[in-house]
């Protein structure tokens, strides 16, 4: 009886609240926002209804969603491997042994993931760089510089700049709110 009463009250609250409207950041048309209430009466994040997006925005969002879903496992794996490597490097004495360990880690990562990473598009690579920054707190530039040296980081930065890209790309929670929304929506954390 109590469970059905909670469900009825939740239904009543949702139906009384109606569709709230909110202005999309940077958009002209208001987006319809519905508030979801769970059985425990917790308020969940508002969900934007995609009906207010034009077709071009929907397509861009779907592309971004595919990219985030594809690259998030790699970003999480990289963050985990980096943390383990940092912990291990704390215990290694001597510059030569540290370099040797870094080379071994790099070789194992290349062996396991290089084929998949080679097949990524440029857009997926950009999203991966943002997600790496989100997961590790370091840009791709900082990671390259720390583990491969400034010269190699400069080489890859110059190579990327030929195509209009940068290794210093950062994840900004305000500007990249859609990425965060996709991660929460798809439960990728």
Protein backbone atom coordinates (compact mmCIF):
# COMPACT_ATOMS: atom_id res chain seq x y z
CA UNK A 1 0.00 0.00 0.00
CA UNK A 2 2.81 2.43 0.94
CA UNK A 3 4.67 1.77 -2.30
CA UNK A 4 1.65 2.59 -4.45
CA UNK A 5 0.95 5.72 -2.37
CA UNK A 6 4.52 6.94 -2.96
CA UNK A 7 4.10 6.27 -6.69
CA UNK A 8 0.79 8.15 -6.75
CA UNK A 9 2.29 11.14 -4.91
CA UNK A 10 5.30 11.13 -7.25
CA UNK A 11 2.97 11.04 -10.27
CA UNK A 12 0.90 13.86 -8.82
CA UNK A 13 3.98 16.03 -8.18
CA UNK A 14 5.29 15.51 -11.68
CA UNK A 15 1.95 16.23 -13.31
CA UNK A 16 1.37 19.35 -11.19
CA UNK A 17 4.85 20.71 -11.86
CA UNK A 18 4.16 20.53 -15.59
CA UNK A 19 6.81 21.31 -18.13
CA UNK A 20 9.09 24.05 -16.89
CA UNK A 21 10.77 26.19 -19.47
CA UNK A 22 14.35 27.29 -19.41
CA UNK A 23 16.50 29.21 -21.83
CA UNK A 24 19.20 27.16 -23.57
CA UNK A 25 22.61 28.75 -23.15
CA UNK A 26 23.43 30.53 -26.33
CA UNK A 27 20.15 29.51 -27.99
CA UNK A 28 17.16 31.53 -29.04
CA UNK A 29 14.34 29.07 -28.39
CA UNK A 30 13.45 28.01 -24.87
CA UNK A 31 14.02 24.35 -24.07
CA UNK A 32 11.36 22.33 -22.33
CA UNK A 33 12.63 20.86 -19.05
CA UNK A 34 10.86 18.17 -17.05
CA UNK A 35 11.70 17.41 -13.44
CA UNK A 36 11.78 13.73 -12.51
CA UNK A 37 10.84 12.66 -8.99
CA UNK A 38 11.86 9.20 -7.77
CA UNK A 39 10.06 7.01 -5.23
CA UNK A 40 12.32 8.44 -2.54
CA UNK A 41 11.25 11.96 -3.57
CA UNK A 42 14.80 12.90 -4.59
CA UNK A 43 15.02 15.54 -7.28
CA UNK A 44 17.13 14.40 -10.20
CA UNK A 45 18.84 16.65 -12.70
CA UNK A 46 16.48 18.27 -15.19
CA UNK A 47 16.41 16.56 -18.54
CA UNK A 48 16.33 18.66 -21.68
CA UNK A 49 13.74 17.51 -24.16
CA UNK A 50 15.40 17.27 -27.56
CA UNK A 51 12.19 18.37 -29.28
CA UNK A 52 13.28 21.97 -28.84
CA UNK A 53 16.52 21.44 -30.77
CA UNK A 54 16.66 22.02 -34.49
CA UNK A 55 17.84 19.18 -36.73
CA UNK A 56 21.43 20.47 -37.01
CA UNK A 57 21.80 20.65 -33.22
CA UNK A 58 20.30 17.18 -32.80
CA UNK A 59 22.77 15.77 -35.32
CA UNK A 60 25.73 17.50 -33.61
CA UNK A 61 24.57 16.18 -30.23
CA UNK A 62 24.22 12.62 -31.55
CA UNK A 63 27.72 12.77 -33.05
CA UNK A 64 29.12 14.07 -29.76
CA UNK A 65 27.26 11.33 -27.89
CA UNK A 66 28.79 8.60 -30.09
CA UNK A 67 32.24 10.11 -29.62
CA UNK A 68 31.92 10.31 -25.84
CA UNK A 69 30.60 6.75 -25.57
CA UNK A 70 33.46 5.46 -27.74
CA UNK A 71 36.29 7.39 -26.06
CA UNK A 72 35.29 7.43 -22.37
CA UNK A 73 36.56 3.87 -21.68
CA UNK A 74 39.97 4.85 -23.07
CA UNK A 75 40.10 7.99 -20.92
CA UNK A 76 39.18 6.02 -17.79
CA UNK A 77 41.75 3.35 -18.61
CA UNK A 78 44.43 5.98 -19.22
CA UNK A 79 43.65 7.70 -15.93
CA UNK A 80 43.82 4.39 -14.08
CA UNK A 81 47.10 3.38 -15.76
CA UNK A 82 48.60 6.82 -15.12
CA UNK A 83 47.70 6.64 -11.44
CA UNK A 84 49.24 3.17 -11.14
CA UNK A 85 52.31 4.31 -13.03
CA UNK A 86 52.71 7.41 -10.84
CA UNK A 87 52.45 5.25 -7.71
CA UNK A 88 55.06 2.84 -9.04
CA UNK A 89 57.39 5.67 -10.13
CA UNK A 90 57.35 6.97 -6.54
CA UNK A 91 59.08 3.78 -5.46
CA UNK A 92 61.67 3.59 -8.27
CA UNK A 93 65.06 5.13 -7.54
CA UNK A 94 67.25 6.43 -10.35
CA UNK A 95 66.47 8.22 -13.58
CA UNK A 96 67.51 5.28 -15.79
CA UNK A 97 65.19 2.81 -14.05
CA UNK A 98 62.31 5.29 -14.20
CA UNK A 99 62.78 5.77 -17.96
CA UNK A 100 62.93 2.01 -18.45
CA UNK A 101 59.68 1.54 -16.53
CA UNK A 102 57.95 4.30 -18.52
CA UNK A 103 59.05 2.65 -21.80
CA UNK A 104 57.70 -0.72 -20.61
CA UNK A 105 54.34 0.84 -19.70
CA UNK A 106 54.16 2.63 -23.03
CA UNK A 107 54.95 -0.57 -24.93
CA UNK A 108 52.24 -2.53 -23.14
CA UNK A 109 49.66 0.21 -23.75
CA UNK A 110 50.61 0.40 -27.43
CA UNK A 111 50.31 -3.37 -27.78
CA UNK A 112 46.86 -3.44 -26.20
CA UNK A 113 45.23 -0.29 -27.63
CA UNK A 114 47.13 1.10 -30.63
CA UNK A 115 44.96 -0.57 -33.27
CA UNK A 116 41.77 0.91 -31.78
CA UNK A 117 43.33 4.35 -31.28
CA UNK A 118 44.63 4.46 -34.87
CA UNK A 119 41.09 3.98 -36.15
CA UNK A 120 39.70 6.99 -34.29
CA UNK A 121 38.58 10.03 -36.19
CA UNK A 122 40.02 13.48 -35.51
CA UNK A 123 36.79 14.48 -33.73
CA UNK A 124 36.99 11.40 -31.50
CA UNK A 125 40.61 12.28 -30.73
CA UNK A 126 39.58 15.79 -29.68
CA UNK A 127 36.91 14.41 -27.37
CA UNK A 128 39.42 11.90 -25.98
CA UNK A 129 41.86 14.73 -25.17
CA UNK A 130 39.11 16.60 -23.30
CA UNK A 131 38.11 13.45 -21.42
CA UNK A 132 41.76 12.75 -20.53
CA UNK A 133 41.97 16.22 -19.02
CA UNK A 134 38.68 15.62 -17.20
CA UNK A 135 39.83 12.28 -15.77
CA UNK A 136 43.47 13.10 -14.98
CA UNK A 137 43.52 16.86 -14.46
CA UNK A 138 46.36 17.10 -16.99
CA UNK A 139 46.25 18.13 -20.63
CA UNK A 140 47.65 15.83 -23.29
CA UNK A 141 50.51 18.32 -23.64
CA UNK A 142 51.43 17.94 -19.95
CA UNK A 143 51.23 14.16 -20.13
CA UNK A 144 53.46 14.04 -23.23
CA UNK A 145 55.92 16.50 -21.73
CA UNK A 146 56.17 14.59 -18.42
CA UNK A 147 56.64 11.12 -19.90
CA UNK A 148 58.11 11.65 -23.38
CA UNK A 149 59.93 14.96 -23.02
CA UNK A 150 59.48 18.49 -24.29
CA UNK A 151 60.96 17.79 -27.73
CA UNK A 152 58.48 15.06 -28.58
CA UNK A 153 55.61 17.07 -27.12
CA UNK A 154 56.62 20.02 -29.33
CA UNK A 155 56.76 17.73 -32.37
CA UNK A 156 53.23 16.42 -31.83
CA UNK A 157 51.95 19.90 -30.99
CA UNK A 158 53.39 21.21 -34.28
CA UNK A 159 51.96 18.24 -36.20
CA UNK A 160 48.51 18.84 -34.70
CA UNK A 161 48.65 22.56 -35.39
CA UNK A 162 49.00 21.79 -39.12
CA UNK A 163 45.42 20.52 -38.91
CA UNK A 164 44.21 23.22 -36.52
CA UNK A 165 44.42 21.17 -33.30
CA UNK A 166 46.27 21.55 -30.02
CA UNK A 167 47.49 19.15 -27.35
CA UNK A 168 46.76 21.83 -24.75
CA UNK A 169 43.01 21.33 -25.12
CA UNK A 170 41.25 21.43 -21.75
CA UNK A 171 37.94 20.14 -20.48
CA UNK A 172 35.79 23.04 -19.31
CA UNK A 173 32.67 21.94 -17.38
CA UNK A 174 30.82 25.10 -18.41
CA UNK A 175 31.59 24.98 -22.13
CA UNK A 176 31.52 21.18 -22.32
CA UNK A 177 28.27 20.74 -20.38
CA UNK A 178 26.92 18.41 -23.07
CA UNK A 179 29.81 15.99 -22.54
CA UNK A 180 29.08 15.93 -18.82
CA UNK A 181 25.37 15.42 -19.51
CA UNK A 182 26.11 12.48 -21.84
CA UNK A 183 28.44 10.88 -19.28
CA UNK A 184 25.75 11.10 -16.59
CA UNK A 185 22.93 10.04 -18.92
CA UNK A 186 24.83 6.99 -20.20
CA UNK A 187 26.24 6.18 -16.72
CA UNK A 188 29.83 6.18 -18.01
CA UNK A 189 31.41 7.23 -14.71
